[in-house]
Amino acid sequence: MTPELTYLAYSIALFLVIVLVQGYSGIANNGPMPMANARDDLKPPTKFQARMKRLTDNYRENLWFFAPLVLIAAVAKISNEWTILGAQIFLFSRIAHAIWYAFGWPYIRPLLWVVGVIGCGMIFLALFGVLS
């Protein structure tokens, strides 16, 4: 397995953790039975629960940039210092982004998002030989 695919697997594991925390926040707010049912009459979300929902949505959206690039690189057998660095940057920026988002800390979160996009851009440019 290429290093990029390993970072993709780690990114999916991080996404699972985020989804589990989001699910737990719903259970903590509503109780297990309402969450196990149709969820028609739930309480309004807490700030943390709403934040975790936004984090989950944001992470999912960013995986749509990262995962295909890594898979294209793997199929094309393109793996170099730029694709590896791009995958590392994406994963580590997303870890930091998730922590900042979960705690509601201001200002830095958007910068961490941009860093993750830059990591994806590096992989994209490496696919076309701009970075080699």
C-alpha atoms as a PDB file:
ATOM      1  CA  MET A   1       0.000   0.000   0.000  1.00  0.00           C
ATOM      2  CA  THR A   2       1.324   3.432  -0.894  1.00  0.00           C
ATOM      3  CA  PRO A   3       1.904   6.030   1.813  1.00  0.00           C
ATOM      4  CA  GLU A   4      -0.884   8.129   0.294  1.00  0.00           C
ATOM      5  CA  LEU A   5      -3.360   5.263   0.645  1.00  0.00           C
ATOM      6  CA  THR A   6      -2.225   4.813   4.245  1.00  0.00           C
ATOM      7  CA  TYR A   7      -2.980   8.495   4.927  1.00  0.00           C
ATOM      8  CA  LEU A   8      -6.350   8.044   3.237  1.00  0.00           C
ATOM      9  CA  ALA A   9      -7.079   5.118   5.582  1.00  0.00           C
ATOM     10  CA  TYR A  10      -6.073   7.255   8.571  1.00  0.00           C
ATOM     11  CA  SER A  11      -8.307  10.045   7.258  1.00  0.00           C
ATOM     12  CA  ILE A  12     -11.241   7.638   7.087  1.00  0.00           C
ATOM     13  CA  ALA A  13     -10.488   6.490  10.647  1.00  0.00           C
ATOM     14  CA  LEU A  14     -10.511  10.130  11.783  1.00  0.00           C
ATOM     15  CA  PHE A  15     -13.845  10.618  10.018  1.00  0.00           C
ATOM     16  CA  LEU A  16     -15.245   7.618  11.887  1.00  0.00           C
ATOM     17  CA  VAL A  17     -14.145   9.142  15.203  1.00  0.00           C
ATOM     18  CA  ILE A  18     -15.811  12.434  14.282  1.00  0.00           C
ATOM     19  CA  VAL A  19     -19.054  10.659  13.322  1.00  0.00           C
ATOM     20  CA  LEU A  20     -19.008   8.702  16.591  1.00  0.00           C
ATOM     21  CA  VAL A  21     -18.532  11.899  18.623  1.00  0.00           C
ATOM     22  CA  GLN A  22     -21.371  13.500  16.676  1.00  0.00           C
ATOM     23  CA  GLY A  23     -23.579  10.477  17.408  1.00  0.00           C
ATOM     24  CA  TYR A  24     -22.659  10.541  21.083  1.00  0.00           C
ATOM     25  CA  SER A  25     -23.543  14.236  21.278  1.00  0.00           C
ATOM     26  CA  GLY A  26     -27.029  13.396  19.992  1.00  0.00           C
ATOM     27  CA  ILE A  27     -27.430  10.606  22.527  1.00  0.00           C
ATOM     28  CA  ALA A  28     -26.213  12.884  25.318  1.00  0.00           C
ATOM     29  CA  ASN A  29     -28.780  15.521  24.345  1.00  0.00           C
ATOM     30  CA  ASN A  30     -31.784  13.303  23.578  1.00  0.00           C
ATOM     31  CA  GLY A  31     -31.150   9.932  25.197  1.00  0.00           C
ATOM     32  CA  PRO A  32     -30.572   6.612  23.465  1.00  0.00           C
ATOM     33  CA  MET A  33     -34.198   5.672  22.723  1.00  0.00           C
ATOM     34  CA  PRO A  34     -35.159   8.830  20.795  1.00  0.00           C
ATOM     35  CA  MET A  35     -31.936   8.527  18.786  1.00  0.00           C
ATOM     36  CA  ALA A  36     -32.670   4.855  18.051  1.00  0.00           C
ATOM     37  CA  ASN A  37     -36.141   5.689  16.748  1.00  0.00           C
ATOM     38  CA  ALA A  38     -37.310   7.860  13.851  1.00  0.00           C
ATOM     39  CA  ARG A  39     -35.898  11.065  15.429  1.00  0.00           C
ATOM     40  CA  ASP A  40     -39.067  13.019  14.634  1.00  0.00           C
ATOM     41  CA  ASP A  41     -39.372  14.861  17.956  1.00  0.00           C
ATOM     42  CA  LEU A  42     -35.828  15.582  19.062  1.00  0.00           C
ATOM     43  CA  LYS A  43     -34.799  18.438  21.310  1.00  0.00           C
ATOM     44  CA  PRO A  44     -33.070  21.364  19.634  1.00  0.00           C
ATOM     45  CA  PRO A  45     -29.377  20.544  19.253  1.00  0.00           C
ATOM     46  CA  THR A  46     -26.936  21.811  21.830  1.00  0.00           C
ATOM     47  CA  LYS A  47     -24.185  24.117  20.601  1.00  0.00           C
ATOM     48  CA  PHE A  48     -21.721  21.228  20.731  1.00  0.00           C
ATOM     49  CA  GLN A  49     -24.093  18.879  18.899  1.00  0.00           C
ATOM     50  CA  ALA A  50     -24.692  21.449  16.145  1.00  0.00           C
ATOM     51  CA  ARG A  51     -20.952  22.119  15.901  1.00  0.00           C
ATOM     52  CA  MET A  52     -20.201  18.404  15.549  1.00  0.00           C
ATOM     53  CA  LYS A  53     -22.836  18.116  12.810  1.00  0.00           C
ATOM     54  CA  ARG A  54     -21.161  20.982  10.930  1.00  0.00           C
ATOM     55  CA  LEU A  55     -17.752  19.377  11.480  1.00  0.00           C
ATOM     56  CA  THR A  56     -19.026  16.055  10.125  1.00  0.00           C
ATOM     57  CA  ASP A  57     -20.494  17.759   7.059  1.00  0.00           C
ATOM     58  CA  ASN A  58     -17.304  19.763   6.510  1.00  0.00           C
ATOM     59  CA  TYR A  59     -15.106  16.674   6.815  1.00  0.00           C
ATOM     60  CA  ARG A  60     -17.305  14.724   4.395  1.00  0.00           C
ATOM     61  CA  GLU A  61     -17.094  17.554   1.860  1.00  0.00           C
ATOM     62  CA  ASN A  62     -13.307  17.653   2.110  1.00  0.00           C
ATOM     63  CA  LEU A  63     -12.962  13.901   1.718  1.00  0.00           C
ATOM     64  CA  TRP A  64     -14.569  14.365  -1.711  1.00  0.00           C
ATOM     65  CA  PHE A  65     -11.473  16.341  -2.706  1.00  0.00           C
ATOM     66  CA  PHE A  66      -8.867  14.170  -1.013  1.00  0.00           C
ATOM     67  CA  ALA A  67     -10.003  10.576  -1.565  1.00  0.00           C
ATOM     68  CA  PRO A  68     -10.372  10.706  -5.369  1.00  0.00           C
ATOM     69  CA  LEU A  69      -6.994  12.394  -5.746  1.00  0.00           C
ATOM     70  CA  VAL A  70      -5.285   9.695  -3.691  1.00  0.00           C
ATOM     71  CA  LEU A  71      -7.116   6.946  -5.564  1.00  0.00           C
ATOM     72  CA  ILE A  72      -6.221   8.465  -8.943  1.00  0.00           C
ATOM     73  CA  ALA A  73      -2.587   8.688  -7.848  1.00  0.00           C
ATOM     74  CA  ALA A  74      -2.655   5.035  -6.786  1.00  0.00           C
ATOM     75  CA  VAL A  75      -4.211   3.849 -10.061  1.00  0.00           C
ATOM     76  CA  ALA A  76      -1.781   5.983 -12.073  1.00  0.00           C
ATOM     77  CA  LYS A  77       1.107   4.714  -9.934  1.00  0.00           C
ATOM     78  CA  ILE A  78       2.124   8.262  -9.048  1.00  0.00           C
ATOM     79  CA  SER A  79       3.759   8.495  -5.654  1.00  0.00           C
ATOM     80  CA  ASN A  80       6.462  11.012  -4.924  1.00  0.00           C
ATOM     81  CA  GLU A  81       7.521  13.382  -2.181  1.00  0.00           C
ATOM     82  CA  TRP A  82       4.783  15.857  -3.221  1.00  0.00           C
ATOM     83  CA  THR A  83       1.891  13.408  -3.175  1.00  0.00           C
ATOM     84  CA  ILE A  84       3.069  12.028   0.159  1.00  0.00           C
ATOM     85  CA  LEU A  85       3.552  15.503   1.619  1.00  0.00           C
ATOM     86  CA  GLY A  86       0.140  16.578   0.310  1.00  0.00           C
ATOM     87  CA  ALA A  87      -1.507  13.564   1.975  1.00  0.00           C
ATOM     88  CA  GLN A  88       0.339  14.240   5.237  1.00  0.00           C
ATOM     89  CA  ILE A  89      -0.643  17.898   5.164  1.00  0.00           C
ATOM     90  CA  PHE A  90      -4.274  16.989   4.531  1.00  0.00           C
ATOM     91  CA  LEU A  91      -4.454  14.489   7.396  1.00  0.00           C
ATOM     92  CA  PHE A  92      -2.639  16.568   9.995  1.00  0.00           C
ATOM     93  CA  SER A  93      -4.511  19.738   9.097  1.00  0.00           C
ATOM     94  CA  ARG A  94      -7.798  17.843   9.377  1.00  0.00           C
ATOM     95  CA  ILE A  95      -6.834  16.508  12.811  1.00  0.00           C
ATOM     96  CA  ALA A  96      -6.086  20.048  13.978  1.00  0.00           C
ATOM     97  CA  HIS A  97      -9.208  21.381  12.226  1.00  0.00           C
ATOM     98  CA  ALA A  98     -11.399  18.797  13.986  1.00  0.00           C
ATOM     99  CA  ILE A  99      -9.983  19.705  17.386  1.00  0.00           C
ATOM    100  CA  TRP A 100     -10.396  23.440  16.781  1.00  0.00           C
ATOM    101  CA  TYR A 101     -13.917  22.933  15.436  1.00  0.00           C
ATOM    102  CA  ALA A 102     -15.017  20.632  18.274  1.00  0.00           C
ATOM    103  CA  PHE A 103     -13.870  23.073  20.937  1.00  0.00           C
ATOM    104  CA  GLY A 104     -15.256  26.101  19.109  1.00  0.00           C
ATOM    105  CA  TRP A 105     -11.957  27.954  19.164  1.00  0.00           C
ATOM    106  CA  PRO A 106     -12.008  30.956  16.829  1.00  0.00           C
ATOM    107  CA  TYR A 107      -9.870  32.244  13.965  1.00  0.00           C
ATOM    108  CA  ILE A 108      -7.443  29.355  13.371  1.00  0.00           C
ATOM    109  CA  ARG A 109     -10.037  26.866  12.082  1.00  0.00           C
ATOM    110  CA  PRO A 110     -10.432  28.457   8.615  1.00  0.00           C
ATOM    111  CA  LEU A 111      -6.660  28.572   8.210  1.00  0.00           C
ATOM    112  CA  LEU A 112      -6.444  24.864   8.998  1.00  0.00           C
ATOM    113  CA  TRP A 113      -9.117  24.215   6.373  1.00  0.00           C
ATOM    114  CA  VAL A 114      -7.056  26.141   3.800  1.00  0.00           C
ATOM    115  CA  VAL A 115      -3.949  24.114   4.698  1.00  0.00           C
ATOM    116  CA  GLY A 116      -5.883  20.897   3.993  1.00  0.00           C
ATOM    117  CA  VAL A 117      -6.983  22.267   0.614  1.00  0.00           C
ATOM    118  CA  ILE A 118      -3.357  23.128  -0.146  1.00  0.00           C
ATOM    119  CA  GLY A 119      -2.442  19.493   0.594  1.00  0.00           C
ATOM    120  CA  CYS A 120      -5.056  18.369  -1.931  1.00  0.00           C
ATOM    121  CA  GLY A 121      -3.735  20.919  -4.418  1.00  0.00           C
ATOM    122  CA  MET A 122      -0.253  19.492  -4.064  1.00  0.00           C
ATOM    123  CA  ILE A 123      -1.518  16.015  -4.951  1.00  0.00           C
ATOM    124  CA  PHE A 124      -3.482  17.437  -7.884  1.00  0.00           C
ATOM    125  CA  LEU A 125      -0.449  19.270  -9.255  1.00  0.00           C
ATOM    126  CA  ALA A 126       1.716  16.163  -8.821  1.00  0.00           C
ATOM    127  CA  LEU A 127      -0.799  14.125 -10.851  1.00  0.00           C
ATOM    128  CA  PHE A 128      -0.178  16.426 -13.798  1.00  0.00           C
ATOM    129  CA  GLY A 129       3.581  16.566 -13.374  1.00  0.00           C
ATOM    130  CA  VAL A 130       3.676  20.183 -12.190  1.00  0.00           C
ATOM    131  CA  LEU A 131       5.197  18.961  -8.925  1.00  0.00           C
ATOM    132  CA  SER A 132       7.491  15.999  -9.479  1.00  0.00           C
END
